[in-house]
PDB file of N, CA and C in Angstrom:
ATOM      1  N   MET A   1      12.675  32.995  25.288  1.00  0.00           N
ATOM      2  CA  MET A   1      11.817  31.930  25.490  1.00  0.00           C
ATOM      3  C   MET A   1      11.439  31.545  24.129  1.00  0.00           C
ATOM      4  N   SER A   2      11.335  30.318  24.140  1.00  0.00           N
ATOM      5  CA  SER A   2      10.831  29.410  22.778  1.00  0.00           C
ATOM      6  C   SER A   2       9.272  29.167  23.170  1.00  0.00           C
ATOM      7  N   GLN A   3       8.498  29.355  22.509  1.00  0.00           N
ATOM      8  CA  GLN A   3       7.298  28.808  22.288  1.00  0.00           C
ATOM      9  C   GLN A   3       6.919  27.483  21.299  1.00  0.00           C
ATOM     10  N   SER A   4       6.157  26.291  21.768  1.00  0.00           N
ATOM     11  CA  SER A   4       5.984  25.646  20.924  1.00  0.00           C
ATOM     12  C   SER A   4       5.172  26.094  20.186  1.00  0.00           C
ATOM     13  N   ALA A   5       5.010  25.025  18.706  1.00  0.00           N
ATOM     14  CA  ALA A   5       4.292  25.277  17.815  1.00  0.00           C
ATOM     15  C   ALA A   5       2.844  24.974  17.964  1.00  0.00           C
ATOM     16  N   PRO A   6       1.872  25.443  17.755  1.00  0.00           N
ATOM     17  CA  PRO A   6       0.311  25.138  17.787  1.00  0.00           C
ATOM     18  C   PRO A   6       0.231  23.524  17.137  1.00  0.00           C
ATOM     19  N   ALA A   7      -0.853  23.068  17.831  1.00  0.00           N
ATOM     20  CA  ALA A   7      -1.205  21.716  17.343  1.00  0.00           C
ATOM     21  C   ALA A   7      -1.932  21.782  16.138  1.00  0.00           C
ATOM     22  N   LEU A   8      -1.480  21.039  15.136  1.00  0.00           N
ATOM     23  CA  LEU A   8      -2.322  21.106  13.791  1.00  0.00           C
ATOM     24  C   LEU A   8      -3.634  19.908  13.757  1.00  0.00           C
ATOM     25  N   ALA A   9      -4.518  20.529  13.484  1.00  0.00           N
ATOM     26  CA  ALA A   9      -5.886  20.069  13.315  1.00  0.00           C
ATOM     27  C   ALA A   9      -5.754  18.952  12.171  1.00  0.00           C
ATOM     28  N   PRO A  10      -6.366  17.579  12.506  1.00  0.00           N
ATOM     29  CA  PRO A  10      -6.057  16.481  11.466  1.00  0.00           C
ATOM     30  C   PRO A  10      -6.874  17.120  10.140  1.00  0.00           C
ATOM     31  N   VAL A  11      -6.058  16.408   9.030  1.00  0.00           N
ATOM     32  CA  VAL A  11      -6.595  16.815   7.659  1.00  0.00           C
ATOM     33  C   VAL A  11      -7.878  15.914   7.403  1.00  0.00           C
ATOM     34  N   ARG A  12      -9.128  16.180   6.821  1.00  0.00           N
ATOM     35  CA  ARG A  12      -9.719  15.552   6.597  1.00  0.00           C
ATOM     36  C   ARG A  12      -9.892  15.115   5.292  1.00  0.00           C
ATOM     37  N   PHE A  13     -10.132  14.053   4.422  1.00  0.00           N
ATOM     38  CA  PHE A  13      -9.843  14.291   3.033  1.00  0.00           C
ATOM     39  C   PHE A  13     -11.199  13.522   2.691  1.00  0.00           C
ATOM     40  N   ASP A  14     -11.954  13.823   1.454  1.00  0.00           N
ATOM     41  CA  ASP A  14     -13.201  13.407   0.597  1.00  0.00           C
ATOM     42  C   ASP A  14     -12.939  12.039   0.195  1.00  0.00           C
ATOM     43  N   ALA A  15     -14.086  11.449  -0.560  1.00  0.00           N
ATOM     44  CA  ALA A  15     -13.493   9.999  -1.135  1.00  0.00           C
ATOM     45  C   ALA A  15     -12.294   9.713  -2.142  1.00  0.00           C
ATOM     46  N   ASP A  16     -12.572  11.062  -3.141  1.00  0.00           N
ATOM     47  CA  ASP A  16     -11.835  11.162  -4.422  1.00  0.00           C
ATOM     48  C   ASP A  16     -10.513  11.676  -3.882  1.00  0.00           C
ATOM     49  N   ALA A  17     -10.173  12.535  -2.849  1.00  0.00           N
ATOM     50  CA  ALA A  17      -9.178  12.552  -2.700  1.00  0.00           C
ATOM     51  C   ALA A  17      -8.208  11.580  -1.892  1.00  0.00           C
ATOM     52  N   GLN A  18      -9.070  10.808  -0.975  1.00  0.00           N
ATOM     53  CA  GLN A  18      -8.543   9.634  -0.665  1.00  0.00           C
ATOM     54  C   GLN A  18      -8.023   8.420  -1.482  1.00  0.00           C
ATOM     55  N   ALA A  19      -8.679   8.471  -2.768  1.00  0.00           N
ATOM     56  CA  ALA A  19      -8.630   7.443  -3.642  1.00  0.00           C
ATOM     57  C   ALA A  19      -7.283   7.866  -4.245  1.00  0.00           C
ATOM     58  N   LYS A  20      -7.169   9.105  -4.629  1.00  0.00           N
ATOM     59  CA  LYS A  20      -5.715   9.529  -5.361  1.00  0.00           C
ATOM     60  C   LYS A  20      -4.544   9.547  -4.510  1.00  0.00           C
ATOM     61  N   LEU A  21      -4.723   9.645  -3.202  1.00  0.00           N
ATOM     62  CA  LEU A  21      -3.563   9.481  -1.992  1.00  0.00           C
ATOM     63  C   LEU A  21      -3.587   8.185  -2.046  1.00  0.00           C
ATOM     64  N   SER A  22      -4.075   7.230  -2.033  1.00  0.00           N
ATOM     65  CA  SER A  22      -3.854   5.957  -2.135  1.00  0.00           C
ATOM     66  C   SER A  22      -3.117   5.505  -3.235  1.00  0.00           C
ATOM     67  N   ALA A  23      -3.544   6.004  -4.712  1.00  0.00           N
ATOM     68  CA  ALA A  23      -2.857   5.609  -5.675  1.00  0.00           C
ATOM     69  C   ALA A  23      -1.473   6.243  -5.718  1.00  0.00           C
ATOM     70  N   LEU A  24      -1.093   7.385  -5.174  1.00  0.00           N
ATOM     71  CA  LEU A  24      -0.301   7.977  -5.190  1.00  0.00           C
ATOM     72  C   LEU A  24       0.935   6.736  -4.347  1.00  0.00           C
ATOM     73  N   ARG A  25       0.378   6.687  -3.191  1.00  0.00           N
ATOM     74  CA  ARG A  25       1.414   5.436  -2.288  1.00  0.00           C
ATOM     75  C   ARG A  25       1.633   4.554  -2.891  1.00  0.00           C
ATOM     76  N   ARG A  26       0.439   3.783  -3.679  1.00  0.00           N
ATOM     77  CA  ARG A  26       0.985   2.475  -4.535  1.00  0.00           C
ATOM     78  C   ARG A  26       1.993   2.478  -5.426  1.00  0.00           C
ATOM     79  N   THR A  27       1.862   3.882  -5.998  1.00  0.00           N
ATOM     80  CA  THR A  27       2.763   3.968  -7.385  1.00  0.00           C
ATOM     81  C   THR A  27       4.249   4.197  -6.773  1.00  0.00           C
ATOM     82  N   LYS A  28       4.059   5.121  -5.547  1.00  0.00           N
ATOM     83  CA  LYS A  28       5.692   5.308  -5.044  1.00  0.00           C
ATOM     84  C   LYS A  28       6.191   3.918  -4.453  1.00  0.00           C
ATOM     85  N   PHE A  29       5.414   2.975  -4.107  1.00  0.00           N
ATOM     86  CA  PHE A  29       5.793   1.776  -3.530  1.00  0.00           C
ATOM     87  C   PHE A  29       6.596   0.764  -4.753  1.00  0.00           C
ATOM     88  N   ILE A  30       5.301   0.776  -5.776  1.00  0.00           N
ATOM     89  CA  ILE A  30       5.892   0.086  -7.069  1.00  0.00           C
ATOM     90  C   ILE A  30       7.272   0.770  -7.458  1.00  0.00           C
ATOM     91  N   ALA A  31       7.518   1.876  -7.569  1.00  0.00           N
ATOM     92  CA  ALA A  31       8.584   2.505  -8.158  1.00  0.00           C
ATOM     93  C   ALA A  31       9.932   2.229  -7.237  1.00  0.00           C
ATOM     94  N   ALA A  32       9.611   2.256  -6.047  1.00  0.00           N
ATOM     95  CA  ALA A  32      10.590   1.793  -4.895  1.00  0.00           C
ATOM     96  C   ALA A  32      11.365   0.129  -5.000  1.00  0.00           C
ATOM     97  N   VAL A  33       9.822  -0.648  -5.307  1.00  0.00           N
ATOM     98  CA  VAL A  33      10.358  -2.116  -5.532  1.00  0.00           C
ATOM     99  C   VAL A  33      11.058  -2.075  -6.566  1.00  0.00           C
ATOM    100  N   ALA A  34      10.823  -1.428  -7.688  1.00  0.00           N
ATOM    101  CA  ALA A  34      11.580  -1.575  -8.931  1.00  0.00           C
ATOM    102  C   ALA A  34      12.846  -1.013  -9.017  1.00  0.00           C
ATOM    103  N   LEU A  35      13.010  -0.166  -8.166  1.00  0.00           N
ATOM    104  CA  LEU A  35      14.441   0.540  -8.186  1.00  0.00           C
ATOM    105  C   LEU A  35      15.239  -0.792  -7.467  1.00  0.00           C
ATOM    106  N   GLY A  36      14.639  -1.230  -6.311  1.00  0.00           N
ATOM    107  CA  GLY A  36      15.502  -1.987  -5.580  1.00  0.00           C
ATOM    108  C   GLY A  36      15.615  -3.521  -6.256  1.00  0.00           C
ATOM    109  N   LEU A  37      14.999  -3.852  -7.190  1.00  0.00           N
ATOM    110  CA  LEU A  37      14.850  -5.222  -8.088  1.00  0.00           C
ATOM    111  C   LEU A  37      16.218  -4.819  -8.974  1.00  0.00           C
ATOM    112  N   CYS A  38      15.756  -3.456  -9.430  1.00  0.00           N
ATOM    113  CA  CYS A  38      17.226  -3.274 -10.249  1.00  0.00           C
ATOM    114  C   CYS A  38      18.532  -3.415  -9.830  1.00  0.00           C
ATOM    115  N   ILE A  39      18.663  -3.151  -8.341  1.00  0.00           N
ATOM    116  CA  ILE A  39      19.947  -2.685  -7.597  1.00  0.00           C
ATOM    117  C   ILE A  39      20.208  -4.438  -7.200  1.00  0.00           C
ATOM    118  N   LEU A  40      19.141  -5.302  -6.964  1.00  0.00           N
ATOM    119  CA  LEU A  40      19.319  -6.615  -6.360  1.00  0.00           C
ATOM    120  C   LEU A  40      19.949  -7.430  -7.632  1.00  0.00           C
ATOM    121  N   VAL A  41      19.321  -7.343  -8.918  1.00  0.00           N
ATOM    122  CA  VAL A  41      19.812  -7.842  -9.914  1.00  0.00           C
ATOM    123  C   VAL A  41      21.163  -7.236 -10.538  1.00  0.00           C
ATOM    124  N   PHE A  42      21.277  -6.075 -10.326  1.00  0.00           N
ATOM    125  CA  PHE A  42      22.957  -5.761 -10.565  1.00  0.00           C
ATOM    126  C   PHE A  42      23.812  -6.268  -9.596  1.00  0.00           C
ATOM    127  N   GLY A  43      23.370  -6.392  -8.369  1.00  0.00           N
ATOM    128  CA  GLY A  43      24.497  -6.983  -7.813  1.00  0.00           C
ATOM    129  C   GLY A  43      24.561  -8.468  -7.656  1.00  0.00           C
ATOM    130  N   LEU A  44      23.160  -9.238  -8.114  1.00  0.00           N
ATOM    131  CA  LEU A  44      23.471 -10.647  -8.272  1.00  0.00           C
ATOM    132  C   LEU A  44      24.478 -11.081  -9.510  1.00  0.00           C
ATOM    133  N   ALA A  45      23.870 -10.399 -10.668  1.00  0.00           N
ATOM    134  CA  ALA A  45      24.782 -10.503 -12.005  1.00  0.00           C
ATOM    135  C   ALA A  45      26.240 -10.109 -11.598  1.00  0.00           C
ATOM    136  N   LYS A  46      26.715  -9.244 -10.878  1.00  0.00           N
ATOM    137  CA  LYS A  46      27.973  -8.963 -11.299  1.00  0.00           C
ATOM    138  C   LYS A  46      28.897  -9.879 -10.221  1.00  0.00           C
ATOM    139  N   SER A  47      28.046 -10.457  -9.071  1.00  0.00           N
ATOM    140  CA  SER A  47      28.784 -11.278  -8.287  1.00  0.00           C
ATOM    141  C   SER A  47      28.693 -12.748  -9.081  1.00  0.00           C
ATOM    142  N   PHE A  48      28.003 -13.026  -9.866  1.00  0.00           N
ATOM    143  CA  PHE A  48      28.021 -14.455 -10.266  1.00  0.00           C
ATOM    144  C   PHE A  48      28.599 -14.298 -11.975  1.00  0.00           C
ATOM    145  N   GLN A  49      29.100 -12.926 -12.501  1.00  0.00           N
ATOM    146  CA  GLN A  49      29.755 -12.918 -13.608  1.00  0.00           C
ATOM    147  C   GLN A  49      30.857 -13.637 -13.796  1.00  0.00           C
ATOM    148  N   ALA A  50      31.588 -13.845 -13.308  1.00  0.00           N
ATOM    149  CA  ALA A  50      32.915 -14.662 -13.232  1.00  0.00           C
ATOM    150  C   ALA A  50      32.337 -16.120 -13.897  1.00  0.00           C
ATOM    151  N   THR A  51      31.343 -16.556 -13.096  1.00  0.00           N
ATOM    152  CA  THR A  51      31.149 -18.400 -13.339  1.00  0.00           C
ATOM    153  C   THR A  51      30.083 -17.814 -14.796  1.00  0.00           C
ATOM    154  N   TYR A  52      29.335 -16.921 -14.912  1.00  0.00           N
ATOM    155  CA  TYR A  52      28.714 -16.977 -16.316  1.00  0.00           C
ATOM    156  C   TYR A  52      28.724 -15.833 -16.673  1.00  0.00           C
ATOM    157  N   PRO A  53      29.567 -15.863 -17.620  1.00  0.00           N
ATOM    158  CA  PRO A  53      29.787 -14.819 -18.661  1.00  0.00           C
ATOM    159  C   PRO A  53      28.949 -13.835 -18.872  1.00  0.00           C
ATOM    160  N   TRP A  54      27.910 -14.709 -19.761  1.00  0.00           N
ATOM    161  CA  TRP A  54      26.737 -13.824 -20.070  1.00  0.00           C
ATOM    162  C   TRP A  54      25.929 -12.861 -18.977  1.00  0.00           C
ATOM    163  N   LEU A  55      26.113 -13.128 -17.842  1.00  0.00           N
ATOM    164  CA  LEU A  55      25.476 -12.288 -16.625  1.00  0.00           C
ATOM    165  C   LEU A  55      26.102 -10.747 -17.125  1.00  0.00           C
ATOM    166  N   GLY A  56      27.382 -10.775 -17.669  1.00  0.00           N
ATOM    167  CA  GLY A  56      27.781  -9.395 -18.164  1.00  0.00           C
ATOM    168  C   GLY A  56      26.638  -8.486 -18.811  1.00  0.00           C
ATOM    169  N   PHE A  57      26.025  -8.881 -19.523  1.00  0.00           N
ATOM    170  CA  PHE A  57      24.943  -8.539 -20.498  1.00  0.00           C
ATOM    171  C   PHE A  57      23.734  -7.765 -19.037  1.00  0.00           C
ATOM    172  N   VAL A  58      23.361  -8.579 -18.720  1.00  0.00           N
ATOM    173  CA  VAL A  58      22.429  -8.783 -17.663  1.00  0.00           C
ATOM    174  C   VAL A  58      22.565  -7.535 -16.632  1.00  0.00           C
ATOM    175  N   ALA A  59      24.024  -7.536 -16.396  1.00  0.00           N
ATOM    176  CA  ALA A  59      24.768  -6.355 -15.185  1.00  0.00           C
ATOM    177  C   ALA A  59      24.501  -5.069 -16.111  1.00  0.00           C
ATOM    178  N   ALA A  60      25.109  -4.926 -17.384  1.00  0.00           N
ATOM    179  CA  ALA A  60      24.702  -3.819 -17.833  1.00  0.00           C
ATOM    180  C   ALA A  60      23.489  -2.816 -17.781  1.00  0.00           C
ATOM    181  N   PHE A  61      22.365  -4.072 -18.389  1.00  0.00           N
ATOM    182  CA  PHE A  61      21.195  -3.698 -18.160  1.00  0.00           C
ATOM    183  C   PHE A  61      20.512  -2.901 -16.852  1.00  0.00           C
ATOM    184  N   ALA A  62      21.039  -4.123 -16.220  1.00  0.00           N
ATOM    185  CA  ALA A  62      20.486  -3.613 -14.524  1.00  0.00           C
ATOM    186  C   ALA A  62      21.304  -2.616 -14.260  1.00  0.00           C
ATOM    187  N   GLU A  63      22.693  -1.985 -14.541  1.00  0.00           N
ATOM    188  CA  GLU A  63      23.277  -0.878 -14.082  1.00  0.00           C
ATOM    189  C   GLU A  63      22.694   0.162 -14.833  1.00  0.00           C
ATOM    190  N   ALA A  64      22.543  -0.111 -15.976  1.00  0.00           N
ATOM    191  CA  ALA A  64      21.489   1.267 -16.641  1.00  0.00           C
ATOM    192  C   ALA A  64      20.210   1.612 -16.354  1.00  0.00           C
ATOM    193  N   ALA A  65      19.479   0.412 -15.934  1.00  0.00           N
ATOM    194  CA  ALA A  65      18.257   0.853 -15.109  1.00  0.00           C
ATOM    195  C   ALA A  65      17.929   1.207 -13.649  1.00  0.00           C
ATOM    196  N   THR A  66      19.156   0.738 -12.932  1.00  0.00           N
ATOM    197  CA  THR A  66      19.614   1.409 -11.820  1.00  0.00           C
ATOM    198  C   THR A  66      19.840   2.996 -12.058  1.00  0.00           C
ATOM    199  N   ILE A  67      20.906   3.326 -12.684  1.00  0.00           N
ATOM    200  CA  ILE A  67      21.289   4.945 -12.863  1.00  0.00           C
ATOM    201  C   ILE A  67      20.287   5.878 -13.262  1.00  0.00           C
ATOM    202  N   GLY A  68      19.334   5.119 -14.391  1.00  0.00           N
ATOM    203  CA  GLY A  68      18.298   5.956 -14.654  1.00  0.00           C
ATOM    204  C   GLY A  68      17.300   6.263 -13.705  1.00  0.00           C
ATOM    205  N   GLY A  69      16.817   5.145 -12.964  1.00  0.00           N
ATOM    206  CA  GLY A  69      16.157   5.303 -11.747  1.00  0.00           C
ATOM    207  C   GLY A  69      16.488   6.352 -10.540  1.00  0.00           C
ATOM    208  N   ILE A  70      17.771   6.072 -10.462  1.00  0.00           N
ATOM    209  CA  ILE A  70      18.344   7.173  -9.356  1.00  0.00           C
ATOM    210  C   ILE A  70      18.087   8.413 -10.186  1.00  0.00           C
ATOM    211  N   ALA A  71      18.619   8.844 -11.311  1.00  0.00           N
ATOM    212  CA  ALA A  71      18.518   9.851 -12.010  1.00  0.00           C
ATOM    213  C   ALA A  71      17.062  10.539 -12.058  1.00  0.00           C
ATOM    214  N   ASP A  72      16.164   9.819 -12.239  1.00  0.00           N
ATOM    215  CA  ASP A  72      14.806  10.040 -12.383  1.00  0.00           C
ATOM    216  C   ASP A  72      14.261  10.657 -10.845  1.00  0.00           C
ATOM    217  N   TRP A  73      14.604   9.718  -9.857  1.00  0.00           N
ATOM    218  CA  TRP A  73      14.225  10.027  -8.563  1.00  0.00           C
ATOM    219  C   TRP A  73      15.034  11.317  -8.018  1.00  0.00           C
ATOM    220  N   TYR A  74      16.233  11.617  -8.234  1.00  0.00           N
ATOM    221  CA  TYR A  74      16.734  13.023  -7.851  1.00  0.00           C
ATOM    222  C   TYR A  74      16.010  14.100  -8.896  1.00  0.00           C
ATOM    223  N   ALA A  75      15.778  13.992 -10.371  1.00  0.00           N
ATOM    224  CA  ALA A  75      15.045  15.000 -10.958  1.00  0.00           C
ATOM    225  C   ALA A  75      14.165  15.380 -10.153  1.00  0.00           C
ATOM    226  N   VAL A  76      13.017  14.267 -10.295  1.00  0.00           N
ATOM    227  CA  VAL A  76      11.588  14.613  -9.121  1.00  0.00           C
ATOM    228  C   VAL A  76      12.006  15.372  -8.054  1.00  0.00           C
ATOM    229  N   VAL A  77      12.865  14.783  -7.226  1.00  0.00           N
ATOM    230  CA  VAL A  77      12.970  15.470  -5.799  1.00  0.00           C
ATOM    231  C   VAL A  77      13.458  16.890  -5.864  1.00  0.00           C
ATOM    232  N   ALA A  78      14.118  17.007  -6.803  1.00  0.00           N
ATOM    233  CA  ALA A  78      15.040  18.244  -6.929  1.00  0.00           C
ATOM    234  C   ALA A  78      13.997  19.311  -7.274  1.00  0.00           C
ATOM    235  N   LEU A  79      12.870  19.034  -8.273  1.00  0.00           N
ATOM    236  CA  LEU A  79      12.053  20.091  -8.305  1.00  0.00           C
ATOM    237  C   LEU A  79      10.912  20.581  -7.237  1.00  0.00           C
ATOM    238  N   PHE A  80      10.557  19.533  -6.594  1.00  0.00           N
ATOM    239  CA  PHE A  80       9.888  19.835  -5.522  1.00  0.00           C
ATOM    240  C   PHE A  80      10.388  19.789  -4.253  1.00  0.00           C
ATOM    241  N   ARG A  81      11.366  19.936  -4.031  1.00  0.00           N
ATOM    242  CA  ARG A  81      11.790  19.916  -2.320  1.00  0.00           C
ATOM    243  C   ARG A  81      13.556  19.853  -2.362  1.00  0.00           C
ATOM    244  N   ARG A  82      14.209  19.648  -1.230  1.00  0.00           N
ATOM    245  CA  ARG A  82      15.417  19.811  -1.115  1.00  0.00           C
ATOM    246  C   ARG A  82      15.843  18.336  -1.012  1.00  0.00           C
ATOM    247  N   PRO A  83      16.549  17.641  -2.058  1.00  0.00           N
ATOM    248  CA  PRO A  83      17.138  16.005  -1.919  1.00  0.00           C
ATOM    249  C   PRO A  83      17.836  15.883  -0.708  1.00  0.00           C
ATOM    250  N   LEU A  84      17.577  15.002   0.054  1.00  0.00           N
ATOM    251  CA  LEU A  84      18.107  14.439   1.295  1.00  0.00           C
ATOM    252  C   LEU A  84      18.513  15.635   2.182  1.00  0.00           C
ATOM    253  N   ARG A  85      17.318  16.738   2.147  1.00  0.00           N
ATOM    254  CA  ARG A  85      17.459  17.653   3.088  1.00  0.00           C
ATOM    255  C   ARG A  85      18.888  18.774   2.868  1.00  0.00           C
ATOM    256  N   LEU A  86      19.515  18.865   1.749  1.00  0.00           N
ATOM    257  CA  LEU A  86      20.753  19.310   1.658  1.00  0.00           C
ATOM    258  C   LEU A  86      20.062  20.521   1.066  1.00  0.00           C
ATOM    259  N   PRO A  87      20.893  21.957   1.429  1.00  0.00           N
ATOM    260  CA  PRO A  87      20.610  22.902   0.920  1.00  0.00           C
ATOM    261  C   PRO A  87      21.621  23.252  -0.497  1.00  0.00           C
ATOM    262  N   ILE A  88      21.357  22.069  -1.712  1.00  0.00           N
ATOM    263  CA  ILE A  88      21.544  22.255  -2.850  1.00  0.00           C
ATOM    264  C   ILE A  88      20.937  23.712  -3.706  1.00  0.00           C
ATOM    265  N   PRO A  89      21.711  24.297  -4.385  1.00  0.00           N
ATOM    266  CA  PRO A  89      21.375  25.235  -5.186  1.00  0.00           C
ATOM    267  C   PRO A  89      20.532  24.912  -6.405  1.00  0.00           C
ATOM    268  N   HIS A  90      19.385  25.824  -6.691  1.00  0.00           N
ATOM    269  CA  HIS A  90      18.523  25.077  -7.894  1.00  0.00           C
ATOM    270  C   HIS A  90      17.641  23.978  -7.699  1.00  0.00           C
ATOM    271  N   THR A  91      17.487  23.789  -6.507  1.00  0.00           N
ATOM    272  CA  THR A  91      16.391  22.854  -6.112  1.00  0.00           C
ATOM    273  C   THR A  91      15.357  23.453  -5.406  1.00  0.00           C
ATOM    274  N   ALA A  92      14.283  22.639  -5.285  1.00  0.00           N
ATOM    275  CA  ALA A  92      12.557  23.052  -4.660  1.00  0.00           C
ATOM    276  C   ALA A  92      12.408  24.548  -5.558  1.00  0.00           C
ATOM    277  N   ILE A  93      12.291  24.222  -6.552  1.00  0.00           N
ATOM    278  CA  ILE A  93      12.047  24.985  -7.605  1.00  0.00           C
ATOM    279  C   ILE A  93      10.596  25.363  -7.539  1.00  0.00           C
ATOM    280  N   ILE A  94       9.580  24.304  -7.514  1.00  0.00           N
ATOM    281  CA  ILE A  94       8.419  24.182  -7.491  1.00  0.00           C
ATOM    282  C   ILE A  94       7.865  24.434  -6.248  1.00  0.00           C
TER     283      ILE A  94
END
């Protein structure tokens, strides 16, 4: 027989913790938008590179920014939890 998990009580934060949580959400949103913008610029630069050869430089910088952003995301996620919920060794260290 399986038992259902007990209901969790709602967590209440004080004003300082609420402000920190809000700042964390804002920072995560800005980081996600920046990574998305890098991916968008890379895609557009690669698609128009044949017409405008100078976009090769833009594509190279956008590609480097995209790879760096993904690598940073993976490194931070791997420290604190399992990336993509996969049981990868040496993750969820902290």
